[in-house]
Amino acid sequence: MKKIIYALILLLVVVSGLVFANRAVNNETSKKPAPKLLTAAEKDAEMKKWKATPEGIKYTKWVASPAGEKVFACIAKIRKNVDDYTNMEAVVTSLSLPPGSRLGFGVMARINDEDYIVRFEPEKSQLEQLHSLKVNDKIIIRSHYISHAPKYSYPIVSGEYVERDGKVIFQRVPRKGGC
């Protein structure tokens, strides 16, 4: 009888220890502070600090330069299509990106009589279809995002959907675990 009582007490101690240890681990993870979101005033202050850095000064000069103004004018031409995620007709003008670019896989395309860099984030299975593109191919592009960088003389369109001759040749695969 004593052996059974000792065994039950030992079992109770082990189970209690496991429950307590698991509770301690859960409390530790919940104590992490949530990332602090900046207020509008704090964002403005950070932006002013950055604009005072050499990179910020260089960027500000580029925005005011003819090259920067041209890039922003090109962005304005297709902004509505990008915001609405609607079709944009394009013609492939080059199968390579400008020298020194670090954008990954992409092509140069003419949309609304302006040149754009169209970059892709393809899965390996999608590369073959994208490599089938040729200069002067007419394609339909959809995108949610357009960007710019002083390094490039062209706006950068993130290609999320591409169609050629009525067939989808690329559709961005959503990332796992969120965005």
Protein backbone atom coordinates (compact mmCIF):
# COMPACT_ATOMS: atom_id res chain seq x y z
CA MET A 1 0.00 0.00 0.00
CA LYS A 2 2.85 2.39 0.86
CA LYS A 3 4.46 1.69 -2.52
CA ILE A 4 1.27 2.67 -4.35
CA ILE A 5 0.97 5.92 -2.34
CA TYR A 6 4.65 6.77 -3.03
CA ALA A 7 4.14 6.03 -6.74
CA LEU A 8 1.05 8.27 -6.88
CA ILE A 9 2.84 11.10 -5.04
CA LEU A 10 5.84 10.76 -7.38
CA LEU A 11 3.52 10.84 -10.39
CA LEU A 12 1.75 13.92 -8.99
CA VAL A 13 5.12 15.70 -8.49
CA VAL A 14 6.27 14.91 -12.05
CA VAL A 15 2.99 16.06 -13.62
CA SER A 16 2.97 19.23 -11.50
CA GLY A 17 6.53 19.97 -12.53
CA LEU A 18 5.67 19.58 -16.22
CA VAL A 19 2.60 21.80 -15.92
CA PHE A 20 4.56 24.46 -14.05
CA ALA A 21 7.44 24.36 -16.54
CA ASN A 22 5.04 24.71 -19.48
CA ARG A 23 3.32 27.64 -17.76
CA ALA A 24 6.67 29.35 -17.19
CA VAL A 25 7.58 29.00 -20.88
CA ASN A 26 4.22 30.47 -21.94
CA ASN A 27 4.68 33.44 -19.59
CA GLU A 28 8.15 34.16 -20.97
CA THR A 29 6.92 34.39 -24.56
CA SER A 30 4.06 36.72 -23.64
CA LYS A 31 6.42 39.14 -21.85
CA LYS A 32 8.02 40.21 -25.15
CA PRO A 33 7.12 43.82 -25.83
CA ALA A 34 5.05 44.49 -28.93
CA PRO A 35 6.90 46.49 -31.57
CA LYS A 36 6.35 50.16 -30.91
CA LEU A 37 4.63 52.00 -33.73
CA LEU A 38 5.91 55.48 -34.42
CA THR A 39 3.60 58.45 -34.32
CA ALA A 40 3.38 60.81 -37.28
CA ALA A 41 5.59 63.35 -35.50
CA GLU A 42 8.21 60.68 -34.76
CA LYS A 43 8.13 59.51 -38.39
CA ASP A 44 8.65 63.09 -39.58
CA ALA A 45 11.57 63.53 -37.17
CA GLU A 46 13.18 60.29 -38.37
CA MET A 47 12.70 61.35 -41.99
CA LYS A 48 14.36 64.72 -41.31
CA LYS A 49 17.30 62.92 -39.68
CA TRP A 50 17.65 60.62 -42.67
CA LYS A 51 17.43 63.49 -45.16
CA ALA A 52 20.40 65.09 -43.40
CA THR A 53 22.55 61.98 -44.04
CA PRO A 54 24.65 61.74 -47.22
CA GLU A 55 22.26 59.13 -48.64
CA GLY A 56 19.27 61.37 -47.92
CA ILE A 57 20.92 64.38 -49.56
CA LYS A 58 21.81 62.28 -52.61
CA TYR A 59 18.22 61.00 -52.85
CA THR A 60 16.74 64.51 -52.52
CA LYS A 61 19.00 65.77 -55.31
CA TRP A 62 18.01 62.81 -57.50
CA VAL A 63 14.27 63.46 -56.95
CA ALA A 64 14.73 67.06 -58.12
CA SER A 65 16.92 66.09 -61.10
CA PRO A 66 15.50 65.56 -64.61
CA ALA A 67 16.11 61.79 -64.27
CA GLY A 68 14.14 61.64 -61.01
CA GLU A 69 11.34 63.76 -62.40
CA LYS A 70 11.10 61.46 -65.43
CA VAL A 71 10.87 58.37 -63.19
CA PHE A 72 8.11 59.94 -61.09
CA ALA A 73 6.22 61.02 -64.24
CA CYS A 74 6.38 57.40 -65.50
CA ILE A 75 5.09 56.14 -62.15
CA ALA A 76 2.19 58.61 -62.31
CA LYS A 77 1.21 57.28 -65.76
CA ILE A 78 0.49 53.77 -64.47
CA ARG A 79 -0.35 54.50 -60.80
CA LYS A 80 -4.10 53.98 -61.33
CA ASN A 81 -3.54 50.59 -63.01
CA VAL A 82 -1.26 49.49 -60.18
CA ASP A 83 -3.64 50.71 -57.47
CA ASP A 84 -6.62 49.01 -59.14
CA TYR A 85 -4.62 45.88 -60.13
CA THR A 86 -5.84 46.15 -63.72
CA ASN A 87 -4.28 44.91 -66.95
CA MET A 88 -1.47 46.90 -68.54
CA GLU A 89 -0.42 46.14 -72.10
CA ALA A 90 3.34 45.95 -72.50
CA VAL A 91 5.93 45.11 -75.12
CA VAL A 92 9.15 43.40 -74.03
CA THR A 93 12.04 45.63 -75.12
CA SER A 94 14.96 43.78 -73.53
CA LEU A 95 15.48 40.43 -71.85
CA SER A 96 18.17 41.80 -69.55
CA LEU A 97 18.09 44.44 -66.86
CA PRO A 98 20.34 47.51 -66.82
CA PRO A 99 24.02 46.77 -66.07
CA GLY A 100 24.79 46.42 -62.37
CA SER A 101 21.20 45.80 -61.32
CA ARG A 102 20.52 43.61 -58.31
CA LEU A 103 16.83 43.04 -58.81
CA GLY A 104 16.94 39.35 -59.60
CA PHE A 105 15.09 38.08 -62.65
CA GLY A 106 13.36 40.65 -64.82
CA VAL A 107 12.90 42.22 -68.23
CA MET A 108 12.58 45.69 -69.67
CA ALA A 109 9.11 46.51 -71.03
CA ARG A 110 7.39 49.46 -72.67
CA ILE A 111 4.05 50.40 -71.10
CA ASN A 112 2.14 53.48 -72.32
CA ASP A 113 5.15 54.58 -74.42
CA GLU A 114 7.51 54.55 -71.42
CA ASP A 115 10.19 52.02 -70.43
CA TYR A 116 9.91 50.14 -67.14
CA ILE A 117 11.87 47.45 -65.34
CA VAL A 118 9.54 44.52 -64.70
CA ARG A 119 10.95 42.27 -62.00
CA PHE A 120 9.71 38.86 -60.97
CA GLU A 121 10.12 36.60 -57.95
CA PRO A 122 9.54 33.29 -59.72
CA GLU A 123 9.53 29.80 -58.30
CA LYS A 124 11.86 27.41 -60.13
CA SER A 125 8.89 25.83 -61.87
CA GLN A 126 7.91 29.23 -63.34
CA LEU A 127 11.32 30.14 -64.77
CA GLU A 128 10.92 28.13 -67.98
CA GLN A 129 7.79 30.03 -69.00
CA LEU A 130 9.41 33.39 -68.24
CA HIS A 131 12.54 32.45 -70.18
CA SER A 132 10.28 31.83 -73.19
CA LEU A 133 9.69 35.60 -73.47
CA LYS A 134 11.25 37.25 -76.51
CA VAL A 135 11.92 40.84 -77.49
CA ASN A 136 8.80 42.47 -79.01
CA ASP A 137 6.43 39.98 -77.30
CA LYS A 138 3.16 41.66 -76.36
CA ILE A 139 2.19 40.79 -72.81
CA ILE A 140 -0.43 41.77 -70.25
CA ILE A 141 0.95 42.67 -66.81
CA ARG A 142 -0.79 43.19 -63.47
CA SER A 143 0.96 44.51 -60.39
CA HIS A 144 0.21 45.75 -56.90
CA TYR A 145 3.54 47.51 -56.44
CA ILE A 146 5.75 49.99 -58.27
CA SER A 147 8.95 51.47 -56.87
CA HIS A 148 11.96 53.56 -57.79
CA ALA A 149 15.61 53.90 -56.88
CA PRO A 150 18.19 56.54 -57.76
CA LYS A 151 20.39 53.76 -59.13
CA TYR A 152 17.95 53.11 -62.00
CA SER A 153 16.66 55.43 -64.71
CA TYR A 154 13.40 53.50 -64.87
CA PRO A 155 10.55 52.75 -62.45
CA ILE A 156 10.49 49.18 -61.14
CA VAL A 157 7.22 47.27 -61.55
CA SER A 158 6.85 44.05 -59.55
CA GLY A 159 5.25 41.63 -61.97
CA GLU A 160 2.61 39.56 -60.20
CA TYR A 161 0.66 38.32 -63.20
CA VAL A 162 1.80 38.03 -66.82
CA GLU A 163 -0.22 36.80 -69.77
CA ARG A 164 0.91 36.26 -73.37
CA ASP A 165 -1.46 35.35 -76.21
CA GLY A 166 -4.30 34.77 -73.74
CA LYS A 167 -2.27 32.28 -71.67
CA VAL A 168 -1.00 32.95 -68.16
CA ILE A 169 2.79 32.51 -68.16
CA PHE A 170 3.46 33.84 -64.66
CA GLN A 171 1.45 34.32 -61.51
CA ARG A 172 3.19 35.20 -58.26
CA VAL A 173 2.91 32.51 -55.63
CA PRO A 174 1.96 34.06 -52.26
CA ARG A 175 4.61 33.69 -49.59
CA LYS A 176 3.96 31.20 -46.85
CA GLY A 177 3.28 32.54 -43.39
CA GLY A 178 1.98 35.97 -44.29
CA CYS A 179 2.89 38.71 -46.70
